[in-house]
């Protein structure tokens, strides 16, 4: 049993190490290749164990800032923060060593997207230093996830919601799932659950709907997921972000044709 636990920890360490090098502006980055992370053979050299904190990532991000060009991942100007949000793609390993992602069902009383499945997150606030801080703060407020438990490893490409809000997916690794004791903010969240990350690359439990918006034809993906307590539908922007996250983590394209809406990419045009 101890050997299996160490093996899974080593996988998470390798994943974190690789994702720290991910550049959302470079589609040809070696992080996105035909090989699968979980098929990588263990190297003779043991990985260095790192504590879960955001400080190292912030420092590395500042070092890479000139390379990132005009991508507004950490812009602090009032214009970039006016209609901007960040969500946390928080990954952890289950007992079988499979990656899972934490999701929430929004409360029926919230003003937007009530009752829908979403990633923990929300709009940038004045005191937030960067998008990573926004995602961690929102996760702590919504589900009681202590930021010290999360190792933030990268940010993905930005998405633009239909209402024009730029959404930044922040990827973090929950090093010890047992240390997380959810405390739900019932004013915002009705339920918290998790789902297999690889599900968002598979054609199983997936439905689709062709949509046209302002002359743009695209496909909405619906993923059906059932827990012991409830059935959930994960769709629209949340599904799109998770398809992207799974593609980067598992280093392969989905088993289906994605056909994204053009407006998701408006922030990069």
Protein backbone atom coordinates (compact mmCIF):
# COMPACT_ATOMS: atom_id res chain seq x y z
CA UNK A 1 0.00 0.00 0.00
CA UNK A 2 2.79 2.44 0.89
CA UNK A 3 4.43 1.84 -2.49
CA UNK A 4 1.22 2.74 -4.34
CA UNK A 5 0.81 5.94 -2.35
CA UNK A 6 4.40 6.97 -3.18
CA UNK A 7 3.84 6.16 -6.85
CA UNK A 8 0.78 8.36 -7.02
CA UNK A 9 2.63 11.20 -5.25
CA UNK A 10 5.44 10.88 -7.77
CA UNK A 11 2.92 11.15 -10.61
CA UNK A 12 1.51 14.35 -9.13
CA UNK A 13 4.98 15.80 -8.71
CA UNK A 14 5.83 15.05 -12.34
CA UNK A 15 2.55 16.52 -13.49
CA UNK A 16 3.12 19.69 -11.48
CA UNK A 17 6.65 19.98 -12.84
CA UNK A 18 5.44 19.69 -16.43
CA UNK A 19 2.48 22.03 -16.07
CA UNK A 20 4.68 24.77 -14.61
CA UNK A 21 6.31 24.95 -18.06
CA UNK A 22 3.00 25.22 -19.93
CA UNK A 23 2.64 28.39 -22.01
CA UNK A 24 -0.97 29.18 -23.05
CA UNK A 25 0.32 31.27 -25.97
CA UNK A 26 2.26 28.39 -27.54
CA UNK A 27 0.09 25.70 -29.17
CA UNK A 28 3.24 23.75 -30.10
CA UNK A 29 4.52 23.61 -26.53
CA UNK A 30 5.98 20.18 -25.67
CA UNK A 31 3.43 19.91 -22.85
CA UNK A 32 0.91 19.09 -25.57
CA UNK A 33 2.16 16.00 -27.37
CA UNK A 34 0.83 12.60 -28.37
CA UNK A 35 2.27 10.86 -25.29
CA UNK A 36 0.25 10.38 -22.12
CA UNK A 37 1.51 11.65 -18.78
CA UNK A 38 0.47 8.54 -16.93
CA UNK A 39 2.46 6.35 -19.34
CA UNK A 40 5.73 8.12 -18.52
CA UNK A 41 8.17 5.68 -16.99
CA UNK A 42 9.65 6.62 -13.64
CA UNK A 43 13.16 7.99 -13.85
CA UNK A 44 16.06 6.76 -11.75
CA UNK A 45 16.41 10.13 -10.09
CA UNK A 46 13.83 10.76 -7.35
CA UNK A 47 11.82 13.96 -7.73
CA UNK A 48 12.25 16.77 -5.25
CA UNK A 49 9.20 17.07 -3.02
CA UNK A 50 7.79 20.60 -2.98
CA UNK A 51 5.38 22.16 -0.51
CA UNK A 52 1.98 23.33 -1.75
CA UNK A 53 2.05 27.11 -2.02
CA UNK A 54 1.50 29.80 -4.61
CA UNK A 55 4.57 31.95 -3.89
CA UNK A 56 6.95 29.98 -6.12
CA UNK A 57 4.51 30.06 -9.02
CA UNK A 58 3.98 33.81 -8.66
CA UNK A 59 7.76 34.33 -8.71
CA UNK A 60 8.15 32.10 -11.79
CA UNK A 61 5.26 33.87 -13.51
CA UNK A 62 6.93 37.24 -12.94
CA UNK A 63 10.14 35.90 -14.46
CA UNK A 64 8.23 34.70 -17.54
CA UNK A 65 6.22 37.91 -17.90
CA UNK A 66 8.23 39.39 -20.82
CA UNK A 67 7.85 36.07 -22.67
CA UNK A 68 4.08 36.10 -22.25
CA UNK A 69 3.80 39.30 -24.25
CA UNK A 70 0.41 40.98 -24.21
CA UNK A 71 -1.58 38.06 -22.79
CA UNK A 72 -3.35 39.61 -19.77
CA UNK A 73 -2.85 36.77 -17.31
CA UNK A 74 -1.66 39.06 -14.53
CA UNK A 75 -2.56 42.51 -15.75
CA UNK A 76 -3.53 44.79 -12.88
CA UNK A 77 -4.90 47.68 -14.93
CA UNK A 78 -8.44 48.79 -14.21
CA UNK A 79 -9.49 48.13 -17.81
CA UNK A 80 -8.41 44.47 -17.73
CA UNK A 81 -10.00 43.87 -14.33
CA UNK A 82 -13.36 45.48 -15.11
CA UNK A 83 -14.89 42.38 -16.73
CA UNK A 84 -12.56 39.61 -15.63
CA UNK A 85 -12.90 36.43 -13.63
CA UNK A 86 -10.81 33.42 -12.65
CA UNK A 87 -11.82 29.84 -11.92
CA UNK A 88 -9.89 27.11 -10.13
CA UNK A 89 -9.38 23.77 -11.88
CA UNK A 90 -8.42 21.90 -8.71
CA UNK A 91 -7.09 18.39 -9.34
CA UNK A 92 -6.42 15.55 -6.93
CA UNK A 93 -5.86 11.78 -7.06
CA UNK A 94 -8.40 9.24 -5.87
CA UNK A 95 -7.50 5.95 -4.17
CA UNK A 96 -6.90 4.32 -7.57
CA UNK A 97 -4.52 7.07 -8.66
CA UNK A 98 -6.97 8.65 -11.13
CA UNK A 99 -7.15 12.42 -11.46
CA UNK A 100 -10.40 14.08 -10.43
CA UNK A 101 -11.53 17.70 -10.52
CA UNK A 102 -13.57 19.59 -7.90
CA UNK A 103 -16.85 21.09 -9.13
CA UNK A 104 -19.78 22.94 -7.59
CA UNK A 105 -23.47 23.35 -8.27
CA UNK A 106 -24.44 27.00 -8.00
CA UNK A 107 -27.18 27.99 -5.61
CA UNK A 108 -30.62 28.60 -7.08
CA UNK A 109 -30.64 32.08 -5.53
CA UNK A 110 -27.57 33.53 -7.31
CA UNK A 111 -28.24 36.07 -10.04
CA UNK A 112 -26.30 34.35 -12.85
CA UNK A 113 -26.15 30.72 -13.98
CA UNK A 114 -28.26 29.65 -10.99
CA UNK A 115 -28.42 25.91 -10.44
CA UNK A 116 -25.71 25.18 -13.00
CA UNK A 117 -22.47 23.26 -12.50
CA UNK A 118 -19.37 25.43 -12.39
CA UNK A 119 -15.76 25.53 -11.25
CA UNK A 120 -15.04 27.45 -8.04
CA UNK A 121 -14.30 31.03 -9.01
CA UNK A 122 -15.59 34.51 -9.61
CA UNK A 123 -14.79 38.07 -10.63
CA UNK A 124 -11.53 39.82 -9.86
CA UNK A 125 -11.70 42.10 -6.83
CA UNK A 126 -9.63 45.20 -6.12
CA UNK A 127 -7.35 43.52 -3.58
CA UNK A 128 -6.45 40.54 -5.77
CA UNK A 129 -2.80 40.59 -6.83
CA UNK A 130 -3.38 38.39 -9.88
CA UNK A 131 -5.73 35.79 -11.38
CA UNK A 132 -4.31 33.01 -9.21
CA UNK A 133 -5.17 34.97 -6.08
CA UNK A 134 -8.69 35.53 -7.42
CA UNK A 135 -9.25 31.82 -8.04
CA UNK A 136 -7.87 30.80 -4.63
CA UNK A 137 -9.83 33.48 -2.77
CA UNK A 138 -13.08 32.52 -4.49
CA UNK A 139 -12.54 28.81 -3.79
CA UNK A 140 -11.91 29.59 -0.14
CA UNK A 141 -15.04 31.76 0.06
CA UNK A 142 -17.29 29.34 -1.81
CA UNK A 143 -16.25 25.90 -0.54
CA UNK A 144 -13.78 26.54 2.30
CA UNK A 145 -10.74 25.31 0.37
CA UNK A 146 -7.68 26.52 2.29
CA UNK A 147 -5.32 28.01 -0.28
CA UNK A 148 -2.30 26.55 1.55
CA UNK A 149 -3.48 23.09 0.46
CA UNK A 150 -3.38 23.96 -3.25
CA UNK A 151 -0.24 23.93 -5.37
CA UNK A 152 -0.99 26.34 -8.22
CA UNK A 153 0.98 25.12 -11.23
CA UNK A 154 -0.22 27.05 -14.29
CA UNK A 155 -2.90 29.09 -16.00
CA UNK A 156 -4.59 28.05 -19.24
CA UNK A 157 -5.62 30.18 -22.17
CA UNK A 158 -8.35 32.69 -21.41
CA UNK A 159 -11.97 32.17 -22.44
CA UNK A 160 -14.53 34.89 -23.10
CA UNK A 161 -18.06 34.21 -21.90
CA UNK A 162 -21.03 35.23 -24.03
CA UNK A 163 -21.57 38.28 -21.79
CA UNK A 164 -18.03 39.47 -22.54
CA UNK A 165 -16.36 38.48 -19.27
CA UNK A 166 -12.81 37.16 -19.68
CA UNK A 167 -12.40 33.94 -17.68
CA UNK A 168 -8.94 32.69 -16.70
CA UNK A 169 -8.67 28.99 -15.74
CA UNK A 170 -6.10 28.51 -12.96
CA UNK A 171 -4.86 24.94 -12.52
CA UNK A 172 -3.99 23.78 -9.02
CA UNK A 173 -3.16 20.43 -7.44
CA UNK A 174 -4.69 19.43 -4.12
CA UNK A 175 -1.82 17.52 -2.54
CA UNK A 176 -3.87 15.87 0.20
CA UNK A 177 -7.59 15.42 -0.48
CA UNK A 178 -8.17 14.18 3.07
CA UNK A 179 -6.95 17.53 4.45
CA UNK A 180 -9.76 19.37 2.64
CA UNK A 181 -12.91 19.61 4.73
CA UNK A 182 -15.47 21.47 2.59
CA UNK A 183 -17.39 24.35 4.14
CA UNK A 184 -20.06 25.38 1.65
CA UNK A 185 -21.18 28.99 1.37
CA UNK A 186 -24.89 28.27 0.85
CA UNK A 187 -25.51 31.77 -0.48
CA UNK A 188 -23.48 30.85 -3.56
CA UNK A 189 -23.13 27.07 -3.67
CA UNK A 190 -25.76 24.34 -3.40
CA UNK A 191 -23.42 21.34 -3.60
CA UNK A 192 -19.80 20.29 -4.10
CA UNK A 193 -18.70 17.14 -5.91
CA UNK A 194 -15.87 15.82 -8.04
CA UNK A 195 -15.61 14.09 -11.41
CA UNK A 196 -12.91 12.20 -13.35
CA UNK A 197 -10.86 14.65 -15.39
CA UNK A 198 -10.38 12.18 -18.24
CA UNK A 199 -14.17 12.04 -18.67
CA UNK A 200 -13.94 15.31 -20.60
CA UNK A 201 -11.89 13.66 -23.35
CA UNK A 202 -14.19 10.67 -23.81
CA UNK A 203 -17.32 10.25 -25.89
CA UNK A 204 -19.05 8.30 -23.13
CA UNK A 205 -21.71 10.13 -21.12
CA UNK A 206 -21.51 13.01 -23.60
CA UNK A 207 -24.25 14.68 -25.60
CA UNK A 208 -23.99 17.60 -27.98
CA UNK A 209 -26.17 20.29 -29.46
CA UNK A 210 -25.42 22.37 -32.54
CA UNK A 211 -25.93 26.07 -31.91
CA UNK A 212 -25.78 29.24 -33.99
CA UNK A 213 -25.00 32.61 -32.43
CA UNK A 214 -24.45 35.79 -34.45
CA UNK A 215 -23.67 33.75 -37.55
CA UNK A 216 -21.22 31.47 -35.73
CA UNK A 217 -22.09 27.77 -35.72
CA UNK A 218 -20.60 25.73 -32.90
CA UNK A 219 -21.27 22.71 -30.68
CA UNK A 220 -22.37 22.71 -27.04
CA UNK A 221 -21.10 19.67 -25.13
CA UNK A 222 -23.07 18.15 -22.25
CA UNK A 223 -21.40 15.66 -19.90
CA UNK A 224 -23.69 13.60 -17.67
CA UNK A 225 -22.18 12.70 -14.31
CA UNK A 226 -23.83 10.83 -11.46
CA UNK A 227 -22.73 10.66 -7.83
CA UNK A 228 -24.27 8.72 -4.96
CA UNK A 229 -26.52 11.67 -4.17
CA UNK A 230 -27.33 13.46 -7.41
CA UNK A 231 -27.09 13.61 -11.20
CA UNK A 232 -25.25 16.56 -12.72
CA UNK A 233 -24.94 18.03 -16.20
CA UNK A 234 -21.63 19.77 -16.96
CA UNK A 235 -21.91 21.91 -20.08
CA UNK A 236 -21.16 25.17 -21.91
CA UNK A 237 -18.13 27.18 -20.78
CA UNK A 238 -17.36 24.92 -17.81
CA UNK A 239 -17.26 21.90 -20.11
CA UNK A 240 -15.07 23.80 -22.56
CA UNK A 241 -12.56 24.73 -19.86
CA UNK A 242 -12.43 21.13 -18.61
CA UNK A 243 -11.95 19.76 -22.14
CA UNK A 244 -8.98 22.10 -22.49
CA UNK A 245 -7.59 21.23 -19.05
CA UNK A 246 -7.90 17.49 -19.71
CA UNK A 247 -6.24 17.88 -23.12
CA UNK A 248 -3.25 19.64 -21.55
CA UNK A 249 -2.94 17.25 -18.61
CA UNK A 250 -3.34 14.03 -20.63
CA UNK A 251 -1.54 15.46 -23.66
CA UNK A 252 -4.09 14.39 -26.24
CA UNK A 253 -7.11 15.68 -28.10
CA UNK A 254 -10.66 14.64 -27.15
CA UNK A 255 -12.27 11.62 -28.82
CA UNK A 256 -14.87 13.92 -30.39
CA UNK A 257 -14.89 17.01 -32.60
CA UNK A 258 -14.96 20.02 -30.29
CA UNK A 259 -15.97 22.91 -32.61
CA UNK A 260 -15.72 25.80 -30.17
CA UNK A 261 -17.64 29.08 -30.45
CA UNK A 262 -15.55 31.89 -31.88
CA UNK A 263 -16.51 34.33 -29.14
CA UNK A 264 -14.58 32.22 -26.58
CA UNK A 265 -11.41 33.50 -28.26
CA UNK A 266 -12.37 37.18 -28.42
CA UNK A 267 -9.86 38.18 -25.74
CA UNK A 268 -7.04 36.90 -27.97
CA UNK A 269 -8.13 38.50 -31.22
